């Protein structure tokens, strides 16, 4: 059923945020009843309290993701899966600003993963996973997993010596996972070992499969956030209404985030100029693996944990690694079952313990 035309009297009764003046506004409102959506967004508010800075992490992650998409598309113009190392060498040596774009892609990817880790733990510590936001938490975990998959699949694409052997080690660890490990490893490699043919699979995963999954999951995540609004921590929710302060999202809060994005963009460019992503020697599958092969920093904690369970004890390490994401998924539902007087303290200290363990094993893996 179509909407009735918008007359002056009808328009005057619309919420202030949705009054679209002029011929274009009338044209749109007569055809698309969008004013409830626009008004909802205009009325969105963000609680103002001593931990409000953590609300900015989602926007920071979105900004860095945008940088990833733009630079990734630019790199795709010149990258060739059939000649991975040679095409990257051309990007670095011949394409104008190619090495800078590659550096921005590299550094923004690392900062994106860091921002997501901070966002994840701040959400956990502020109890923003609680009802009615259980599924928002689950989609957030899914996005974290997708970003790690982006990092793993993209690492091999330059076909460098270090990335080749690190990927070979990583896939071999996946193969040790119970039940589906061998199947997943074979699907990733396309054979018994990582070869030049594996590039095609990783490239397809990196530029098609994962982006499509990201589009759906990120869209769902953002819709949930818009519908439910920004969560309020317990201490803020307990305040009387007259003491609560809010910032309009499309006003004070967003305007405060824009300078952060500009500073972050400047930082990414500076890192790319001062510490460019050098092109390492081309991978040679017939050569021996160099000593000290390690994954990217965001996989170091898992890598170091597995080293504690050598030989026949490897299955124990894989089970422990599997329990970590399973535990994260169950957090909102286990939290609900804990008595209210102990709930906050228990989850808080479990989050602190998990964060300390992540940092400890990452640093240990970096130094070892």
Foldseek 3Di string as FASTA:
>chain_A
DFDAQDDPVNLVPQPPQQNDDDPVSSVCVRGDVCRVVRVLLQQFWQWDDPPSVLVLLVVLLVLLVVLLVVLVVVLVVQADLLQQQVSLVCLCPPNVCSLLSVLLNVVSLVVSLVSLVSNLLVCLLLVVCAPPNVVLLVLSLVVNVLSVLLQLLVLCRNQFALSQVLNQVVLVLQLLAPPCSVVVSCQQCVDDTNDSVSNVVSVCCNPPVSVVVCVVSVVVSVVVCSVVGDDDGPVQVPDDPVPIDIDNCVPDVVVVSVVVSVVVSVVSSVCCVVPTDDRHHHHDVVDDRDPPRDDPLQCQLLVQQQVVQDDPRSNVSSVVVVVVVVVSSCVNVVLVVDPPVCSSVVSNVVSVVVVVSSVVSSVVSVVD
